[in-house]
Amino acid sequence: MSAMPPPPPPGGDQSGYQPAPAYSSPGGHPGGPVMTTAPPSIVRAKYAMWAGAVLHLITVFTSFLGMDDMRAQLEEALTEQGVAFTDGTIDAALAVGMAISVGMGVIGVVLWLLMAWLNGKGKGWARIVATVLFALFVISFLFSFAQATAVTMIVNTLVLLAGAAAIFFLWQKDSTAWFRAHKGV
């Protein structure tokens, strides 16, 4: 006489073992393992953004190199318009211009670092914001051709290349998988 095996436990398979839990992404999509390490394209994008932050900081310092040229251009423009001015007026205008330049430079550096951090965390909206900010920088770069000194133009070109590299890496296939895996987190 042969004995029949006992029936499988509820929720188990024929072997008597419970099924393994399904892996899910942080967004709650079942099926795949959680991506905890950034793919190479995200790492490269972060490096490019860090380089962009450093280069952007350098542009702040290069703006001080062109102060004599700015003074001469301002004096020439005011003279052509027939506006009376003093050295104090010019100094005040240059101080305001430099304060704005430094302030915008610091904001730019913070944005570079913030975008590197957020994209490294897998925030999909940050990839779009970084792309829009890069497009705005390209427009600004094109409009600054006539006014920038040679040194400033060289550094701005390097900033442009760092931004282009970052955007290129942010839109690679493995980057897209990174952002999808972190959707909703």
N, C-alpha and C. Protein backbone atom coordinates (compact mmCIF):
# COMPACT_ATOMS: atom_id res chain seq x y z
N MET A 1 0.82 -1.16 0.00
CA MET A 1 0.00 0.00 0.00
C MET A 1 0.87 1.23 0.00
N SER A 2 0.45 2.17 -0.78
CA SER A 2 1.24 3.41 -0.83
C SER A 2 0.43 4.51 -0.18
N ALA A 3 1.16 5.32 0.54
CA ALA A 3 0.51 6.43 1.24
C ALA A 3 0.53 7.67 0.37
N MET A 4 -0.51 8.42 0.40
CA MET A 4 -0.57 9.67 -0.38
C MET A 4 0.07 10.77 0.44
N PRO A 5 0.80 11.70 -0.24
CA PRO A 5 1.38 12.81 0.52
C PRO A 5 0.28 13.75 1.01
N PRO A 6 0.56 14.47 2.07
CA PRO A 6 -0.47 15.38 2.60
C PRO A 6 -0.71 16.53 1.61
N PRO A 7 -1.85 17.14 1.66
CA PRO A 7 -2.13 18.25 0.74
C PRO A 7 -1.20 19.43 1.05
N PRO A 8 -0.90 20.24 0.01
CA PRO A 8 -0.01 21.39 0.25
C PRO A 8 -0.66 22.40 1.18
N PRO A 9 0.17 23.11 1.94
CA PRO A 9 -0.39 24.12 2.84
C PRO A 9 -1.03 25.25 2.04
N PRO A 10 -1.97 25.95 2.64
CA PRO A 10 -2.61 27.04 1.91
C PRO A 10 -1.59 28.11 1.51
N GLY A 11 -1.66 28.56 0.27
CA GLY A 11 -0.78 29.61 -0.24
C GLY A 11 0.56 29.10 -0.69
N GLY A 12 0.85 27.82 -0.53
CA GLY A 12 2.14 27.27 -0.92
C GLY A 12 2.03 26.53 -2.24
N ASP A 13 3.15 26.02 -2.71
CA ASP A 13 3.13 25.23 -3.94
C ASP A 13 3.19 23.74 -3.56
N GLN A 14 3.34 22.87 -4.53
CA GLN A 14 3.32 21.42 -4.31
C GLN A 14 4.47 20.97 -3.41
N SER A 15 5.56 21.73 -3.35
CA SER A 15 6.71 21.31 -2.54
C SER A 15 6.50 21.58 -1.05
N GLY A 16 5.52 22.34 -0.72
CA GLY A 16 5.27 22.65 0.67
C GLY A 16 5.94 23.94 1.14
N TYR A 17 6.70 24.59 0.26
CA TYR A 17 7.36 25.84 0.62
C TYR A 17 6.49 27.03 0.25
N GLN A 18 6.64 28.11 1.01
CA GLN A 18 5.93 29.34 0.70
C GLN A 18 6.61 30.03 -0.49
N PRO A 19 5.83 30.74 -1.33
CA PRO A 19 6.46 31.43 -2.45
C PRO A 19 7.34 32.60 -1.95
N ALA A 20 8.38 32.86 -2.70
CA ALA A 20 9.28 33.97 -2.36
C ALA A 20 8.57 35.30 -2.59
N PRO A 21 8.85 36.28 -1.76
CA PRO A 21 8.22 37.58 -1.98
C PRO A 21 8.76 38.22 -3.26
N ALA A 22 7.90 38.95 -3.94
CA ALA A 22 8.32 39.63 -5.17
C ALA A 22 9.10 40.88 -4.80
N TYR A 23 10.14 41.14 -5.59
CA TYR A 23 10.89 42.39 -5.40
C TYR A 23 10.10 43.52 -6.00
N SER A 24 10.31 44.69 -5.47
CA SER A 24 9.65 45.84 -6.07
C SER A 24 10.60 47.02 -6.07
N SER A 25 10.36 47.94 -6.97
CA SER A 25 11.16 49.16 -7.02
C SER A 25 10.65 50.09 -5.93
N PRO A 26 11.42 51.14 -5.61
CA PRO A 26 10.94 52.06 -4.57
C PRO A 26 9.61 52.69 -4.91
N GLY A 27 9.26 52.74 -6.18
CA GLY A 27 7.98 53.32 -6.57
C GLY A 27 6.82 52.37 -6.37
N GLY A 28 7.12 51.14 -5.93
CA GLY A 28 6.06 50.20 -5.67
C GLY A 28 5.69 49.34 -6.86
N HIS A 29 6.49 49.38 -7.92
CA HIS A 29 6.20 48.57 -9.10
C HIS A 29 6.84 47.19 -8.89
N PRO A 30 6.03 46.13 -8.78
CA PRO A 30 6.58 44.81 -8.50
C PRO A 30 7.33 44.25 -9.71
N GLY A 31 8.24 43.33 -9.40
CA GLY A 31 8.87 42.59 -10.48
C GLY A 31 10.37 42.72 -10.56
N GLY A 32 10.94 43.84 -10.30
CA GLY A 32 12.37 43.99 -10.48
C GLY A 32 13.06 44.33 -9.16
N PRO A 33 14.35 44.05 -9.11
CA PRO A 33 15.06 44.40 -7.88
C PRO A 33 15.18 45.92 -7.74
N VAL A 34 15.34 46.36 -6.53
CA VAL A 34 15.47 47.79 -6.25
C VAL A 34 16.84 48.26 -6.74
N MET A 35 16.86 49.39 -7.49
CA MET A 35 18.13 49.98 -7.92
C MET A 35 18.64 50.87 -6.79
N THR A 36 19.71 50.44 -6.15
CA THR A 36 20.25 51.23 -5.05
C THR A 36 21.52 51.97 -5.44
N THR A 37 22.17 51.54 -6.50
CA THR A 37 23.40 52.17 -6.96
C THR A 37 23.13 52.88 -8.27
N ALA A 38 23.55 54.13 -8.35
CA ALA A 38 23.34 54.91 -9.57
C ALA A 38 24.12 54.29 -10.72
N PRO A 39 23.52 54.25 -11.91
CA PRO A 39 24.22 53.70 -13.07
C PRO A 39 25.34 54.65 -13.50
N PRO A 40 26.26 54.15 -14.33
CA PRO A 40 27.40 54.97 -14.76
C PRO A 40 27.01 56.30 -15.40
N SER A 41 25.92 56.33 -16.14
CA SER A 41 25.55 57.59 -16.79
C SER A 41 25.13 58.65 -15.77
N ILE A 42 24.50 58.25 -14.70
CA ILE A 42 24.12 59.20 -13.64
C ILE A 42 25.37 59.69 -12.92
N VAL A 43 26.29 58.79 -12.65
CA VAL A 43 27.55 59.18 -12.00
C VAL A 43 28.30 60.18 -12.88
N ARG A 44 28.35 59.91 -14.18
CA ARG A 44 29.03 60.84 -15.10
C ARG A 44 28.31 62.18 -15.17
N ALA A 45 26.99 62.15 -15.15
CA ALA A 45 26.22 63.40 -15.17
C ALA A 45 26.51 64.21 -13.91
N LYS A 46 26.60 63.54 -12.76
CA LYS A 46 26.92 64.25 -11.52
C LYS A 46 28.31 64.86 -11.58
N TYR A 47 29.28 64.13 -12.12
CA TYR A 47 30.63 64.68 -12.26
C TYR A 47 30.63 65.90 -13.18
N ALA A 48 29.88 65.82 -14.26
CA ALA A 48 29.80 66.95 -15.19
C ALA A 48 29.15 68.15 -14.49
N MET A 49 28.14 67.90 -13.67
CA MET A 49 27.48 69.00 -12.95
C MET A 49 28.40 69.59 -11.90
N TRP A 50 29.18 68.77 -11.23
CA TRP A 50 30.14 69.31 -10.26
C TRP A 50 31.18 70.16 -10.97
N ALA A 51 31.64 69.70 -12.13
CA ALA A 51 32.58 70.49 -12.92
C ALA A 51 31.93 71.81 -13.35
N GLY A 52 30.66 71.75 -13.74
CA GLY A 52 29.94 72.96 -14.11
C GLY A 52 29.85 73.94 -12.94
N ALA A 53 29.66 73.43 -11.73
CA ALA A 53 29.60 74.29 -10.55
C ALA A 53 30.94 74.99 -10.32
N VAL A 54 32.03 74.24 -10.44
CA VAL A 54 33.36 74.82 -10.25
C VAL A 54 33.64 75.86 -11.33
N LEU A 55 33.33 75.52 -12.57
CA LEU A 55 33.56 76.46 -13.67
C LEU A 55 32.68 77.70 -13.53
N HIS A 56 31.45 77.51 -13.08
CA HIS A 56 30.55 78.65 -12.89
C HIS A 56 31.10 79.57 -11.80
N LEU A 57 31.68 78.99 -10.77
CA LEU A 57 32.31 79.79 -9.72
C LEU A 57 33.49 80.59 -10.30
N ILE A 58 34.22 79.98 -11.21
CA ILE A 58 35.34 80.68 -11.85
C ILE A 58 34.83 81.87 -12.66
N THR A 59 33.66 81.74 -13.29
CA THR A 59 33.12 82.87 -14.07
C THR A 59 32.83 84.06 -13.17
N VAL A 60 32.48 83.79 -11.91
CA VAL A 60 32.25 84.89 -10.97
C VAL A 60 33.55 85.68 -10.80
N PHE A 61 34.64 84.97 -10.63
CA PHE A 61 35.93 85.65 -10.44
C PHE A 61 36.41 86.33 -11.71
N THR A 62 36.12 85.74 -12.87
CA THR A 62 36.56 86.37 -14.12
C THR A 62 35.80 87.67 -14.40
N SER A 63 34.62 87.82 -13.82
CA SER A 63 33.89 89.06 -14.04
C SER A 63 34.63 90.24 -13.42
N PHE A 64 35.41 89.99 -12.38
CA PHE A 64 36.21 91.06 -11.78
C PHE A 64 37.35 91.50 -12.70
N LEU A 65 37.80 90.60 -13.57
CA LEU A 65 38.89 90.94 -14.49
C LEU A 65 38.47 92.00 -15.50
N GLY A 66 37.20 92.05 -15.82
CA GLY A 66 36.74 92.98 -16.84
C GLY A 66 36.19 94.29 -16.30
N MET A 67 36.47 94.61 -15.05
CA MET A 67 35.90 95.82 -14.45
C MET A 67 36.38 97.10 -15.16
N ASP A 68 37.65 97.14 -15.56
CA ASP A 68 38.15 98.34 -16.26
C ASP A 68 37.43 98.53 -17.59
N ASP A 69 37.22 97.41 -18.30
CA ASP A 69 36.49 97.49 -19.58
C ASP A 69 35.05 97.94 -19.35
N MET A 70 34.43 97.42 -18.29
CA MET A 70 33.05 97.82 -17.99
C MET A 70 32.97 99.30 -17.64
N ARG A 71 33.95 99.79 -16.90
CA ARG A 71 33.98 101.20 -16.54
C ARG A 71 34.07 102.05 -17.81
N ALA A 72 34.96 101.67 -18.71
CA ALA A 72 35.14 102.43 -19.95
C ALA A 72 33.87 102.40 -20.80
N GLN A 73 33.24 101.23 -20.89
CA GLN A 73 32.00 101.12 -21.69
C GLN A 73 30.89 101.96 -21.07
N LEU A 74 30.78 101.95 -19.76
CA LEU A 74 29.75 102.72 -19.08
C LEU A 74 29.96 104.22 -19.27
N GLU A 75 31.21 104.67 -19.12
CA GLU A 75 31.51 106.09 -19.32
C GLU A 75 31.23 106.51 -20.75
N GLU A 76 31.60 105.66 -21.70
CA GLU A 76 31.36 105.97 -23.12
C GLU A 76 29.87 106.07 -23.41
N ALA A 77 29.09 105.12 -22.89
CA ALA A 77 27.64 105.12 -23.14
C ALA A 77 26.98 106.35 -22.54
N LEU A 78 27.37 106.72 -21.33
CA LEU A 78 26.78 107.90 -20.69
C LEU A 78 27.18 109.18 -21.42
N THR A 79 28.42 109.24 -21.90
CA THR A 79 28.87 110.42 -22.65
C THR A 79 28.10 110.55 -23.95
N GLU A 80 27.91 109.42 -24.66
CA GLU A 80 27.16 109.45 -25.93
C GLU A 80 25.71 109.90 -25.72
N GLN A 81 25.15 109.56 -24.58
CA GLN A 81 23.76 109.94 -24.29
C GLN A 81 23.66 111.34 -23.70
N GLY A 82 24.80 111.98 -23.45
CA GLY A 82 24.80 113.32 -22.91
C GLY A 82 24.42 113.38 -21.44
N VAL A 83 24.62 112.30 -20.72
CA VAL A 83 24.28 112.24 -19.30
C VAL A 83 25.50 112.66 -18.47
N ALA A 84 25.28 113.57 -17.56
CA ALA A 84 26.37 113.99 -16.68
C ALA A 84 26.59 112.92 -15.62
N PHE A 85 27.85 112.66 -15.32
CA PHE A 85 28.16 111.64 -14.33
C PHE A 85 29.44 112.03 -13.59
N THR A 86 29.59 111.39 -12.43
CA THR A 86 30.81 111.58 -11.64
C THR A 86 31.47 110.21 -11.46
N ASP A 87 32.69 110.25 -10.95
CA ASP A 87 33.36 108.97 -10.67
C ASP A 87 32.59 108.17 -9.63
N GLY A 88 31.97 108.85 -8.70
CA GLY A 88 31.15 108.18 -7.68
C GLY A 88 29.96 107.47 -8.28
N THR A 89 29.34 108.10 -9.30
CA THR A 89 28.20 107.49 -9.98
C THR A 89 28.64 106.21 -10.69
N ILE A 90 29.78 106.30 -11.38
CA ILE A 90 30.31 105.13 -12.09
C ILE A 90 30.67 104.03 -11.10
N ASP A 91 31.32 104.40 -10.01
CA ASP A 91 31.70 103.41 -8.99
C ASP A 91 30.46 102.71 -8.42
N ALA A 92 29.41 103.49 -8.16
CA ALA A 92 28.18 102.91 -7.62
C ALA A 92 27.54 101.96 -8.63
N ALA A 93 27.51 102.36 -9.89
CA ALA A 93 26.93 101.50 -10.92
C ALA A 93 27.73 100.21 -11.06
N LEU A 94 29.06 100.31 -11.02
CA LEU A 94 29.89 99.11 -11.10
C LEU A 94 29.69 98.21 -9.88
N ALA A 95 29.55 98.81 -8.70
CA ALA A 95 29.33 98.03 -7.49
C ALA A 95 28.01 97.26 -7.57
N VAL A 96 26.97 97.93 -8.05
CA VAL A 96 25.67 97.26 -8.20
C VAL A 96 25.79 96.13 -9.22
N GLY A 97 26.44 96.42 -10.34
CA GLY A 97 26.62 95.39 -11.38
C GLY A 97 27.39 94.19 -10.88
N MET A 98 28.45 94.44 -10.11
CA MET A 98 29.25 93.34 -9.58
C MET A 98 28.47 92.56 -8.52
N ALA A 99 27.69 93.25 -7.71
CA ALA A 99 26.87 92.55 -6.70
C ALA A 99 25.86 91.63 -7.38
N ILE A 100 25.26 92.12 -8.44
CA ILE A 100 24.31 91.29 -9.19
C ILE A 100 25.04 90.11 -9.83
N SER A 101 26.22 90.37 -10.39
CA SER A 101 27.00 89.31 -11.02
C SER A 101 27.39 88.23 -10.02
N VAL A 102 27.86 88.65 -8.86
CA VAL A 102 28.26 87.68 -7.82
C VAL A 102 27.04 86.91 -7.32
N GLY A 103 25.94 87.63 -7.08
CA GLY A 103 24.71 86.97 -6.62
C GLY A 103 24.21 85.93 -7.61
N MET A 104 24.19 86.30 -8.88
CA MET A 104 23.75 85.35 -9.91
C MET A 104 24.73 84.18 -10.02
N GLY A 105 26.02 84.46 -9.83
CA GLY A 105 27.02 83.39 -9.87
C GLY A 105 26.83 82.39 -8.75
N VAL A 106 26.56 82.89 -7.56
CA VAL A 106 26.34 82.00 -6.41
C VAL A 106 25.07 81.18 -6.63
N ILE A 107 24.03 81.82 -7.13
CA ILE A 107 22.79 81.08 -7.43
C ILE A 107 23.08 79.99 -8.46
N GLY A 108 23.88 80.32 -9.47
CA GLY A 108 24.23 79.32 -10.49
C GLY A 108 24.97 78.14 -9.90
N VAL A 109 25.93 78.40 -9.04
CA VAL A 109 26.70 77.31 -8.40
C VAL A 109 25.76 76.44 -7.56
N VAL A 110 24.89 77.07 -6.80
CA VAL A 110 23.94 76.31 -5.96
C VAL A 110 23.03 75.45 -6.84
N LEU A 111 22.57 76.01 -7.96
CA LEU A 111 21.71 75.22 -8.86
C LEU A 111 22.45 74.03 -9.46
N TRP A 112 23.71 74.21 -9.85
CA TRP A 112 24.50 73.08 -10.37
C TRP A 112 24.58 71.97 -9.33
N LEU A 113 24.93 72.34 -8.10
CA LEU A 113 25.09 71.34 -7.04
C LEU A 113 23.76 70.70 -6.66
N LEU A 114 22.71 71.49 -6.62
CA LEU A 114 21.39 70.97 -6.30
C LEU A 114 20.91 69.98 -7.37
N MET A 115 21.11 70.32 -8.62
CA MET A 115 20.70 69.42 -9.71
C MET A 115 21.51 68.12 -9.67
N ALA A 116 22.80 68.20 -9.36
CA ALA A 116 23.62 66.99 -9.25
C ALA A 116 23.08 66.10 -8.13
N TRP A 117 22.76 66.69 -7.00
CA TRP A 117 22.27 65.92 -5.86
C TRP A 117 20.91 65.30 -6.15
N LEU A 118 19.98 66.09 -6.68
CA LEU A 118 18.62 65.60 -6.93
C LEU A 118 18.58 64.54 -8.02
N ASN A 119 19.36 64.74 -9.08
CA ASN A 119 19.40 63.72 -10.13
C ASN A 119 20.06 62.45 -9.62
N GLY A 120 21.06 62.60 -8.75
CA GLY A 120 21.69 61.43 -8.14
C GLY A 120 20.74 60.66 -7.25
N LYS A 121 19.72 61.34 -6.72
CA LYS A 121 18.71 60.69 -5.89
C LYS A 121 17.59 60.07 -6.72
N GLY A 122 17.63 60.28 -8.04
CA GLY A 122 16.62 59.67 -8.91
C GLY A 122 15.35 60.48 -9.08
N LYS A 123 15.40 61.75 -8.81
CA LYS A 123 14.22 62.62 -8.97
C LYS A 123 14.04 62.95 -10.45
N GLY A 124 13.06 62.36 -11.07
CA GLY A 124 12.83 62.53 -12.51
C GLY A 124 12.54 63.97 -12.89
N TRP A 125 11.83 64.70 -12.04
CA TRP A 125 11.53 66.09 -12.35
C TRP A 125 12.81 66.93 -12.39
N ALA A 126 13.84 66.52 -11.62
CA ALA A 126 15.10 67.27 -11.59
C ALA A 126 15.82 67.15 -12.93
N ARG A 127 15.64 66.02 -13.61
CA ARG A 127 16.25 65.87 -14.93
C ARG A 127 15.63 66.88 -15.90
N ILE A 128 14.34 67.08 -15.81
CA ILE A 128 13.66 68.05 -16.68
C ILE A 128 14.09 69.47 -16.32
N VAL A 129 14.15 69.77 -15.02
CA VAL A 129 14.58 71.11 -14.59
C VAL A 129 16.01 71.37 -15.05
N ALA A 130 16.89 70.39 -14.92
CA ALA A 130 18.28 70.56 -15.36
C ALA A 130 18.34 70.83 -16.87
N THR A 131 17.49 70.15 -17.62
CA THR A 131 17.47 70.36 -19.07
C THR A 131 16.99 71.77 -19.41
N VAL A 132 15.96 72.24 -18.71
CA VAL A 132 15.45 73.60 -18.95
C VAL A 132 16.50 74.64 -18.56
N LEU A 133 17.16 74.43 -17.41
CA LEU A 133 18.20 75.36 -16.98
C LEU A 133 19.35 75.40 -17.99
N PHE A 134 19.69 74.24 -18.55
CA PHE A 134 20.74 74.21 -19.56
C PHE A 134 20.31 74.99 -20.80
N ALA A 135 19.07 74.83 -21.22
CA ALA A 135 18.57 75.57 -22.38
C ALA A 135 18.63 77.08 -22.12
N LEU A 136 18.28 77.50 -20.92
CA LEU A 136 18.37 78.92 -20.57
C LEU A 136 19.81 79.40 -20.58
N PHE A 137 20.73 78.55 -20.12
CA PHE A 137 22.14 78.93 -20.15
C PHE A 137 22.63 79.09 -21.59
N VAL A 138 22.20 78.20 -22.47
CA VAL A 138 22.59 78.29 -23.88
C VAL A 138 22.13 79.63 -24.46
N ILE A 139 20.91 80.02 -24.17
CA ILE A 139 20.38 81.31 -24.67
C ILE A 139 21.21 82.46 -24.10
N SER A 140 21.49 82.41 -22.81
CA SER A 140 22.30 83.45 -22.16
C SER A 140 23.70 83.49 -22.77
N PHE A 141 24.26 82.32 -23.02
CA PHE A 141 25.59 82.22 -23.62
C PHE A 141 25.62 82.90 -24.99
N LEU A 142 24.61 82.64 -25.79
CA LEU A 142 24.55 83.24 -27.14
C LEU A 142 24.42 84.75 -27.08
N PHE A 143 23.66 85.27 -26.11
CA PHE A 143 23.49 86.72 -25.99
C PHE A 143 24.71 87.40 -25.38
N SER A 144 25.57 86.65 -24.69
CA SER A 144 26.72 87.26 -24.03
C SER A 144 27.95 87.38 -24.93
N PHE A 145 27.85 86.87 -26.16
CA PHE A 145 29.00 86.92 -27.07
C PHE A 145 29.58 88.31 -27.22
N ALA A 146 28.75 89.30 -27.42
CA ALA A 146 29.22 90.65 -27.73
C ALA A 146 29.81 91.36 -26.52
N GLN A 147 29.44 90.98 -25.32
CA GLN A 147 29.84 91.73 -24.14
C GLN A 147 30.94 91.07 -23.32
N ALA A 148 31.19 89.80 -23.51
CA ALA A 148 32.11 89.07 -22.63
C ALA A 148 33.56 89.28 -23.04
N THR A 149 34.43 89.25 -22.04
CA THR A 149 35.87 89.30 -22.31
C THR A 149 36.29 87.92 -22.81
N ALA A 150 37.50 87.84 -23.33
CA ALA A 150 37.99 86.57 -23.88
C ALA A 150 38.06 85.49 -22.80
N VAL A 151 38.54 85.86 -21.62
CA VAL A 151 38.65 84.89 -20.53
C VAL A 151 37.27 84.40 -20.12
N THR A 152 36.34 85.32 -19.98
CA THR A 152 34.98 84.95 -19.59
C THR A 152 34.35 84.05 -20.64
N MET A 153 34.59 84.36 -21.91
CA MET A 153 34.01 83.54 -22.98
C MET A 153 34.60 82.13 -22.97
N ILE A 154 35.88 82.00 -22.69
CA ILE A 154 36.50 80.67 -22.64
C ILE A 154 35.89 79.86 -21.49
N VAL A 155 35.78 80.48 -20.32
CA VAL A 155 35.22 79.76 -19.16
C VAL A 155 33.75 79.44 -19.41
N ASN A 156 33.00 80.37 -19.98
CA ASN A 156 31.59 80.10 -20.28
C ASN A 156 31.44 78.97 -21.30
N THR A 157 32.37 78.87 -22.23
CA THR A 157 32.34 77.76 -23.19
C THR A 157 32.57 76.44 -22.47
N LEU A 158 33.47 76.43 -21.51
CA LEU A 158 33.70 75.21 -20.73
C LEU A 158 32.47 74.85 -19.88
N VAL A 159 31.81 75.87 -19.33
CA VAL A 159 30.56 75.64 -18.58
C VAL A 159 29.51 75.03 -19.52
N LEU A 160 29.43 75.56 -20.73
CA LEU A 160 28.49 75.05 -21.73
C LEU A 160 28.78 73.58 -22.05
N LEU A 161 30.04 73.24 -22.20
CA LEU A 161 30.41 71.84 -22.49
C LEU A 161 30.08 70.92 -21.31
N ALA A 162 30.32 71.40 -20.09
CA ALA A 162 29.98 70.59 -18.91
C ALA A 162 28.47 70.36 -18.85
N GLY A 163 27.70 71.40 -19.14
CA GLY A 163 26.24 71.27 -19.15
C GLY A 163 25.76 70.32 -20.22
N ALA A 164 26.36 70.42 -21.41
CA ALA A 164 25.98 69.54 -22.51
C ALA A 164 26.28 68.08 -22.16
N ALA A 165 27.42 67.84 -21.53
CA ALA A 165 27.77 66.48 -21.11
C ALA A 165 26.78 65.97 -20.07
N ALA A 166 26.44 66.81 -19.10
CA ALA A 166 25.49 66.39 -18.06
C ALA A 166 24.15 66.03 -18.67
N ILE A 167 23.65 66.86 -19.56
CA ILE A 167 22.35 66.58 -20.19
C ILE A 167 22.42 65.31 -21.03
N PHE A 168 23.52 65.14 -21.75
CA PHE A 168 23.70 63.92 -22.55
C PHE A 168 23.59 62.68 -21.66
N PHE A 169 24.30 62.68 -20.54
CA PHE A 169 24.29 61.52 -19.65
C PHE A 169 22.95 61.34 -18.94
N LEU A 170 22.27 62.43 -18.64
CA LEU A 170 20.97 62.32 -17.96
C LEU A 170 19.90 61.66 -18.82
N TRP A 171 20.07 61.70 -20.13
CA TRP A 171 19.04 61.15 -21.02
C TRP A 171 19.45 59.82 -21.65
N GLN A 172 20.42 59.13 -21.09
CA GLN A 172 20.81 57.80 -21.55
C GLN A 172 19.80 56.76 -21.04
N LYS A 173 19.82 55.57 -21.67
CA LYS A 173 18.86 54.51 -21.30
C LYS A 173 18.97 54.12 -19.83
N ASP A 174 20.21 53.91 -19.36
CA ASP A 174 20.33 53.47 -17.97
C ASP A 174 19.94 54.58 -16.99
N SER A 175 20.07 55.85 -17.41
CA SER A 175 19.58 56.95 -16.57
C SER A 175 18.06 56.92 -16.50
N THR A 176 17.43 56.68 -17.63
CA THR A 176 15.97 56.60 -17.66
C THR A 176 15.49 55.46 -16.76
N ALA A 177 16.19 54.33 -16.77
CA ALA A 177 15.83 53.22 -15.88
C ALA A 177 16.00 53.63 -14.42
N TRP A 178 17.03 54.41 -14.13
CA TRP A 178 17.27 54.91 -12.77
C TRP A 178 16.11 55.77 -12.30
N PHE A 179 15.68 56.69 -13.17
CA PHE A 179 14.58 57.58 -12.79
C PHE A 179 13.27 56.80 -12.66
N ARG A 180 13.04 55.83 -13.54
CA ARG A 180 11.82 55.02 -13.43
C ARG A 180 11.81 54.21 -12.15
N ALA A 181 12.97 53.68 -11.75
CA ALA A 181 13.04 52.86 -10.54
C ALA A 181 12.78 53.70 -9.28
N HIS A 182 13.00 55.00 -9.38
CA HIS A 182 12.81 55.88 -8.22
C HIS A 182 11.55 56.74 -8.33
N LYS A 183 10.72 56.42 -9.30
CA LYS A 183 9.49 57.19 -9.50
C LYS A 183 8.58 57.01 -8.29
N GLY A 184 8.10 58.09 -7.78
CA GLY A 184 7.17 58.03 -6.67
C GLY A 184 7.81 57.92 -5.31
N VAL A 185 9.13 57.97 -5.28
CA VAL A 185 9.82 57.83 -3.99
C VAL A 185 9.95 59.19 -3.35
